[in-house]
């Protein structure tokens, strides 16, 4: 009778594999996309912070945008706004590898404006 039970179990491994393998592939793909989103978010954080530091030092606006874009993911949008006491840098990106996702990666950094000290020449 043990031989009959073995014949009845034939094909279960194949059927289970056919059901489990697509789920594992989907899970692995979701993990990779998640890691790519986290990497893009970290790039946006670094870019916004670098831009806010440059803007707080009162670097020229073109230099602030250049520093921010250098650290940001390719194709990122950079917005710099200055107030009397603070500067705000916003980086919005949609990484190329994540085009299928319905959202953008966004980060914002705020820094206090540093006062500039100029050289004062003494009159003689």
N, C-alpha and C. Protein backbone atom coordinates (compact mmCIF):
# COMPACT_ATOMS: atom_id res chain seq x y z
N UNK A 1 0.81 -1.18 0.00
CA UNK A 1 0.00 0.00 0.00
C UNK A 1 0.86 1.25 0.00
N UNK A 2 2.05 1.14 0.51
CA UNK A 2 2.93 2.30 0.52
C UNK A 2 3.26 2.72 -0.90
N UNK A 3 3.32 1.76 -1.83
CA UNK A 3 3.59 2.09 -3.23
C UNK A 3 2.48 2.88 -3.86
N UNK A 4 1.26 2.66 -3.45
CA UNK A 4 0.11 3.40 -3.99
C UNK A 4 0.15 4.85 -3.55
N UNK A 5 0.55 5.11 -2.32
CA UNK A 5 0.61 6.48 -1.81
C UNK A 5 1.66 7.29 -2.55
N UNK A 6 2.76 6.67 -2.92
CA UNK A 6 3.81 7.38 -3.64
C UNK A 6 3.33 7.77 -5.02
N UNK A 7 2.58 6.91 -5.67
CA UNK A 7 2.08 7.25 -7.01
C UNK A 7 1.08 8.40 -6.94
N UNK A 8 0.32 8.48 -5.85
CA UNK A 8 -0.66 9.56 -5.71
C UNK A 8 0.02 10.90 -5.45
N UNK A 9 1.24 10.89 -4.89
CA UNK A 9 1.96 12.13 -4.58
C UNK A 9 2.72 12.68 -5.78
N UNK A 10 2.76 11.97 -6.85
CA UNK A 10 3.50 12.44 -8.03
C UNK A 10 2.87 13.73 -8.57
N UNK A 11 3.72 14.68 -8.92
CA UNK A 11 3.26 15.92 -9.51
C UNK A 11 3.00 17.04 -8.53
N UNK A 12 2.94 16.75 -7.22
CA UNK A 12 2.69 17.80 -6.24
C UNK A 12 3.86 18.79 -6.17
N UNK A 13 5.07 18.29 -6.27
CA UNK A 13 6.24 19.17 -6.22
C UNK A 13 6.23 20.10 -7.42
N UNK A 14 5.90 19.59 -8.57
CA UNK A 14 5.83 20.42 -9.77
C UNK A 14 4.74 21.47 -9.64
N UNK A 15 3.60 21.11 -9.15
CA UNK A 15 2.49 22.05 -8.99
C UNK A 15 2.83 23.11 -7.94
N UNK A 16 3.42 22.70 -6.85
CA UNK A 16 3.80 23.66 -5.82
C UNK A 16 4.87 24.62 -6.33
N UNK A 17 5.81 24.11 -7.07
CA UNK A 17 6.86 24.97 -7.64
C UNK A 17 6.27 25.96 -8.63
N UNK A 18 5.31 25.51 -9.42
CA UNK A 18 4.68 26.39 -10.39
C UNK A 18 3.93 27.53 -9.70
N UNK A 19 3.45 27.30 -8.50
CA UNK A 19 2.75 28.35 -7.77
C UNK A 19 3.70 29.24 -6.97
N UNK A 20 4.76 28.66 -6.43
CA UNK A 20 5.65 29.39 -5.54
C UNK A 20 6.67 30.23 -6.31
N UNK A 21 7.20 29.76 -7.41
CA UNK A 21 8.25 30.48 -8.12
C UNK A 21 7.80 31.87 -8.60
N UNK A 22 6.63 32.04 -9.19
CA UNK A 22 6.23 33.41 -9.56
C UNK A 22 6.09 34.34 -8.36
N UNK A 23 5.65 33.82 -7.25
CA UNK A 23 5.54 34.64 -6.03
C UNK A 23 6.94 35.06 -5.56
N UNK A 24 7.89 34.16 -5.61
CA UNK A 24 9.26 34.49 -5.21
C UNK A 24 9.88 35.53 -6.15
N UNK A 25 9.63 35.41 -7.44
CA UNK A 25 10.15 36.38 -8.40
C UNK A 25 9.52 37.75 -8.14
N UNK A 26 8.23 37.79 -7.90
CA UNK A 26 7.55 39.04 -7.60
C UNK A 26 8.09 39.67 -6.32
N UNK A 27 8.32 38.86 -5.32
CA UNK A 27 8.86 39.33 -4.05
C UNK A 27 10.27 39.89 -4.25
N UNK A 28 11.11 39.20 -5.01
CA UNK A 28 12.48 39.67 -5.27
C UNK A 28 12.46 40.99 -6.05
N UNK A 29 11.56 41.10 -7.01
CA UNK A 29 11.44 42.35 -7.78
C UNK A 29 11.01 43.50 -6.89
N UNK A 30 10.07 43.25 -6.00
CA UNK A 30 9.62 44.29 -5.06
C UNK A 30 10.75 44.71 -4.14
N UNK A 31 11.58 43.77 -3.70
CA UNK A 31 12.72 44.12 -2.86
C UNK A 31 13.72 44.99 -3.60
N UNK A 32 14.01 44.66 -4.85
CA UNK A 32 14.95 45.46 -5.64
C UNK A 32 14.40 46.85 -5.85
N UNK A 33 13.12 46.98 -6.20
CA UNK A 33 12.52 48.30 -6.37
C UNK A 33 12.57 49.09 -5.07
N UNK A 34 12.31 48.43 -3.96
CA UNK A 34 12.39 49.10 -2.67
C UNK A 34 13.79 49.63 -2.37
N UNK A 35 14.79 48.83 -2.67
CA UNK A 35 16.17 49.28 -2.47
C UNK A 35 16.52 50.45 -3.38
N UNK A 36 16.03 50.43 -4.61
CA UNK A 36 16.27 51.55 -5.52
C UNK A 36 15.58 52.83 -5.05
N UNK A 37 14.40 52.70 -4.49
CA UNK A 37 13.70 53.87 -3.94
C UNK A 37 14.47 54.44 -2.76
N UNK A 38 14.95 53.58 -1.89
CA UNK A 38 15.72 54.03 -0.73
C UNK A 38 17.02 54.70 -1.18
N UNK A 39 17.70 54.14 -2.17
CA UNK A 39 18.93 54.74 -2.68
C UNK A 39 18.66 56.11 -3.29
N UNK A 40 17.58 56.24 -4.04
CA UNK A 40 17.22 57.54 -4.63
C UNK A 40 16.85 58.55 -3.54
N UNK A 41 16.17 58.09 -2.51
CA UNK A 41 15.80 58.98 -1.40
C UNK A 41 17.05 59.49 -0.70
N UNK A 42 18.02 58.62 -0.49
CA UNK A 42 19.27 59.03 0.16
C UNK A 42 20.02 60.04 -0.70
N UNK A 43 20.03 59.83 -2.02
CA UNK A 43 20.65 60.80 -2.92
C UNK A 43 19.96 62.15 -2.83
N UNK A 44 18.64 62.15 -2.77
CA UNK A 44 17.89 63.40 -2.65
C UNK A 44 18.17 64.10 -1.33
N UNK A 45 18.28 63.34 -0.25
CA UNK A 45 18.61 63.92 1.06
C UNK A 45 19.99 64.58 1.00
N UNK A 46 20.97 63.87 0.47
CA UNK A 46 22.32 64.42 0.37
C UNK A 46 22.35 65.66 -0.51
N UNK A 47 21.63 65.63 -1.63
CA UNK A 47 21.62 66.77 -2.55
C UNK A 47 20.96 67.99 -1.90
N UNK A 48 19.84 67.78 -1.23
CA UNK A 48 19.15 68.90 -0.58
C UNK A 48 20.01 69.50 0.52
N UNK A 49 20.68 68.68 1.29
CA UNK A 49 21.55 69.19 2.35
C UNK A 49 22.72 69.96 1.78
N UNK A 50 23.34 69.43 0.73
CA UNK A 50 24.47 70.12 0.10
C UNK A 50 24.03 71.46 -0.46
N UNK A 51 22.87 71.48 -1.10
CA UNK A 51 22.36 72.73 -1.64
C UNK A 51 22.02 73.73 -0.56
N UNK A 52 21.43 73.27 0.52
CA UNK A 52 21.08 74.17 1.63
C UNK A 52 22.33 74.75 2.28
N UNK A 53 23.38 73.94 2.41
CA UNK A 53 24.63 74.48 2.97
C UNK A 53 25.21 75.55 2.06
N UNK A 54 25.21 75.27 0.75
CA UNK A 54 25.76 76.24 -0.21
C UNK A 54 24.92 77.53 -0.21
N UNK A 55 23.61 77.39 -0.16
CA UNK A 55 22.75 78.57 -0.14
C UNK A 55 22.90 79.35 1.16
N UNK A 56 23.10 78.65 2.27
CA UNK A 56 23.27 79.33 3.56
C UNK A 56 24.57 80.13 3.59
N UNK A 57 25.58 79.65 2.86
CA UNK A 57 26.84 80.39 2.77
C UNK A 57 26.73 81.57 1.82
N UNK A 58 25.56 81.71 1.22
CA UNK A 58 25.25 82.77 0.27
C UNK A 58 26.08 82.64 -1.00
N UNK A 59 26.26 81.40 -1.45
CA UNK A 59 26.87 81.17 -2.75
C UNK A 59 25.91 81.67 -3.82
N UNK A 60 26.41 81.96 -5.02
CA UNK A 60 25.52 82.41 -6.10
C UNK A 60 24.47 81.35 -6.42
N UNK A 61 23.27 81.77 -6.84
CA UNK A 61 22.20 80.81 -7.11
C UNK A 61 22.58 79.71 -8.12
N UNK A 62 23.33 80.08 -9.16
CA UNK A 62 23.76 79.06 -10.12
C UNK A 62 24.67 78.02 -9.49
N UNK A 63 25.53 78.45 -8.59
CA UNK A 63 26.43 77.52 -7.90
C UNK A 63 25.65 76.59 -6.97
N UNK A 64 24.62 77.13 -6.32
CA UNK A 64 23.79 76.32 -5.42
C UNK A 64 23.09 75.22 -6.21
N UNK A 65 22.50 75.59 -7.34
CA UNK A 65 21.80 74.61 -8.18
C UNK A 65 22.78 73.58 -8.72
N UNK A 66 23.98 74.02 -9.12
CA UNK A 66 24.98 73.10 -9.66
C UNK A 66 25.43 72.08 -8.61
N UNK A 67 25.66 72.56 -7.39
CA UNK A 67 26.07 71.65 -6.30
C UNK A 67 24.96 70.65 -6.01
N UNK A 68 23.73 71.13 -6.00
CA UNK A 68 22.59 70.26 -5.70
C UNK A 68 22.40 69.22 -6.79
N UNK A 69 22.45 69.63 -8.05
CA UNK A 69 22.26 68.68 -9.15
C UNK A 69 23.38 67.67 -9.24
N UNK A 70 24.57 68.05 -8.84
CA UNK A 70 25.70 67.12 -8.86
C UNK A 70 25.46 65.94 -7.92
N UNK A 71 24.84 66.20 -6.78
CA UNK A 71 24.59 65.15 -5.80
C UNK A 71 23.26 64.44 -6.00
N UNK A 72 22.35 65.04 -6.77
CA UNK A 72 21.00 64.49 -6.95
C UNK A 72 20.99 63.42 -8.04
N UNK A 73 19.93 62.60 -8.06
CA UNK A 73 19.78 61.64 -9.16
C UNK A 73 19.62 62.38 -10.49
N UNK A 74 19.99 61.76 -11.60
CA UNK A 74 19.86 62.42 -12.90
C UNK A 74 18.41 62.83 -13.18
N UNK A 75 18.26 64.03 -13.73
CA UNK A 75 16.93 64.52 -14.10
C UNK A 75 16.14 65.10 -12.94
N UNK A 76 16.76 65.32 -11.80
CA UNK A 76 16.05 65.85 -10.63
C UNK A 76 15.72 67.32 -10.82
N UNK A 77 14.60 67.73 -10.25
CA UNK A 77 14.20 69.13 -10.25
C UNK A 77 14.65 69.75 -8.94
N UNK A 78 15.28 70.91 -9.03
CA UNK A 78 15.82 71.59 -7.85
C UNK A 78 15.14 72.95 -7.72
N UNK A 79 14.64 73.22 -6.52
CA UNK A 79 14.02 74.52 -6.23
C UNK A 79 14.73 75.12 -5.02
N UNK A 80 15.20 76.36 -5.18
CA UNK A 80 15.88 77.06 -4.09
C UNK A 80 15.09 78.32 -3.78
N UNK A 81 14.74 78.49 -2.52
CA UNK A 81 14.05 79.71 -2.10
C UNK A 81 14.80 80.31 -0.91
N UNK A 82 14.89 81.61 -0.92
CA UNK A 82 15.63 82.30 0.13
C UNK A 82 14.68 83.22 0.89
N UNK A 83 14.80 83.20 2.19
CA UNK A 83 14.10 84.14 3.05
C UNK A 83 15.12 85.00 3.76
N UNK A 84 14.66 85.81 4.68
CA UNK A 84 15.59 86.66 5.42
C UNK A 84 16.46 85.85 6.39
N UNK A 85 15.87 84.83 6.99
CA UNK A 85 16.57 84.07 8.02
C UNK A 85 16.95 82.64 7.61
N UNK A 86 16.32 82.14 6.54
CA UNK A 86 16.59 80.75 6.16
C UNK A 86 16.50 80.55 4.66
N UNK A 87 17.13 79.47 4.23
CA UNK A 87 17.04 79.05 2.82
C UNK A 87 16.42 77.67 2.79
N UNK A 88 15.72 77.39 1.70
CA UNK A 88 15.03 76.10 1.56
C UNK A 88 15.38 75.54 0.19
N UNK A 89 15.82 74.28 0.17
CA UNK A 89 16.15 73.59 -1.07
C UNK A 89 15.28 72.35 -1.16
N UNK A 90 14.57 72.21 -2.28
CA UNK A 90 13.70 71.06 -2.51
C UNK A 90 14.22 70.31 -3.72
N UNK A 91 14.38 69.00 -3.58
CA UNK A 91 14.83 68.14 -4.67
C UNK A 91 13.73 67.11 -4.93
N UNK A 92 13.27 67.06 -6.18
CA UNK A 92 12.24 66.10 -6.58
C UNK A 92 12.81 65.30 -7.75
N UNK A 93 12.77 63.98 -7.63
CA UNK A 93 13.35 63.14 -8.68
C UNK A 93 12.48 61.93 -8.94
N UNK A 94 12.53 61.48 -10.17
CA UNK A 94 11.93 60.21 -10.56
C UNK A 94 13.04 59.43 -11.27
N UNK A 95 13.73 58.58 -10.52
CA UNK A 95 14.85 57.84 -11.11
C UNK A 95 14.42 57.02 -12.32
N UNK A 96 15.31 56.92 -13.29
CA UNK A 96 14.99 56.22 -14.53
C UNK A 96 14.58 54.77 -14.31
N UNK A 97 15.23 54.10 -13.41
CA UNK A 97 14.93 52.69 -13.17
C UNK A 97 13.56 52.49 -12.52
N UNK A 98 12.99 53.56 -12.00
CA UNK A 98 11.71 53.46 -11.28
C UNK A 98 10.58 54.14 -12.04
N UNK A 99 10.68 54.23 -13.35
CA UNK A 99 9.67 54.92 -14.14
C UNK A 99 8.28 54.30 -13.99
N UNK A 100 8.20 53.01 -13.69
CA UNK A 100 6.91 52.36 -13.57
C UNK A 100 6.18 52.69 -12.28
N UNK A 101 6.88 53.29 -11.32
CA UNK A 101 6.25 53.61 -10.04
C UNK A 101 5.47 54.91 -10.16
N UNK A 102 4.34 55.01 -9.47
CA UNK A 102 3.47 56.18 -9.62
C UNK A 102 3.82 57.36 -8.70
N UNK A 103 5.04 57.45 -8.22
CA UNK A 103 5.39 58.54 -7.32
C UNK A 103 6.81 59.03 -7.57
N UNK A 104 7.07 60.24 -7.08
CA UNK A 104 8.40 60.84 -7.14
C UNK A 104 9.05 60.73 -5.77
N UNK A 105 10.36 60.83 -5.78
CA UNK A 105 11.12 60.88 -4.54
C UNK A 105 11.39 62.35 -4.27
N UNK A 106 11.07 62.81 -3.07
CA UNK A 106 11.16 64.24 -2.75
C UNK A 106 11.85 64.42 -1.41
N UNK A 107 12.71 65.42 -1.35
CA UNK A 107 13.36 65.75 -0.09
C UNK A 107 13.54 67.26 -0.01
N UNK A 108 13.49 67.77 1.20
CA UNK A 108 13.59 69.21 1.45
C UNK A 108 14.56 69.44 2.58
N UNK A 109 15.40 70.46 2.44
CA UNK A 109 16.34 70.82 3.50
C UNK A 109 16.24 72.32 3.74
N UNK A 110 16.32 72.72 5.01
CA UNK A 110 16.25 74.12 5.41
C UNK A 110 17.49 74.42 6.24
N UNK A 111 18.09 75.58 5.98
CA UNK A 111 19.27 75.99 6.74
C UNK A 111 19.16 77.46 7.07
N UNK A 112 19.74 77.83 8.20
CA UNK A 112 19.78 79.24 8.60
C UNK A 112 20.81 79.97 7.75
N UNK A 113 20.47 81.20 7.36
CA UNK A 113 21.38 82.00 6.54
C UNK A 113 22.55 82.44 7.40
N UNK A 114 23.74 82.22 6.88
CA UNK A 114 24.95 82.66 7.58
C UNK A 114 25.24 84.09 7.19
N UNK A 115 25.70 84.86 8.14
CA UNK A 115 26.06 86.24 7.84
C UNK A 115 27.44 86.25 7.21
N UNK A 116 27.57 87.05 6.18
CA UNK A 116 28.88 87.14 5.52
C UNK A 116 29.66 88.28 6.14
N UNK A 117 30.92 88.04 6.27
CA UNK A 117 31.80 89.04 6.83
C UNK A 117 32.72 89.48 5.70
N UNK A 118 32.65 90.74 5.35
CA UNK A 118 33.48 91.26 4.27
C UNK A 118 34.78 91.82 4.82
N UNK A 119 35.70 92.00 3.92
CA UNK A 119 36.96 92.60 4.30
C UNK A 119 36.76 94.11 4.42
N UNK A 120 37.24 94.65 5.49
CA UNK A 120 37.14 96.08 5.72
C UNK A 120 38.53 96.67 5.60
N UNK A 121 38.66 97.61 4.67
CA UNK A 121 39.97 98.26 4.51
C UNK A 121 40.02 99.49 5.40
N UNK A 122 41.12 99.61 6.03
CA UNK A 122 41.32 100.77 6.88
C UNK A 122 41.75 101.96 6.02
N UNK A 123 41.22 103.10 6.31
CA UNK A 123 41.63 104.32 5.61
C UNK A 123 42.73 104.98 6.40
N UNK A 124 43.73 105.42 5.68
CA UNK A 124 44.84 106.11 6.35
C UNK A 124 44.86 107.54 6.00
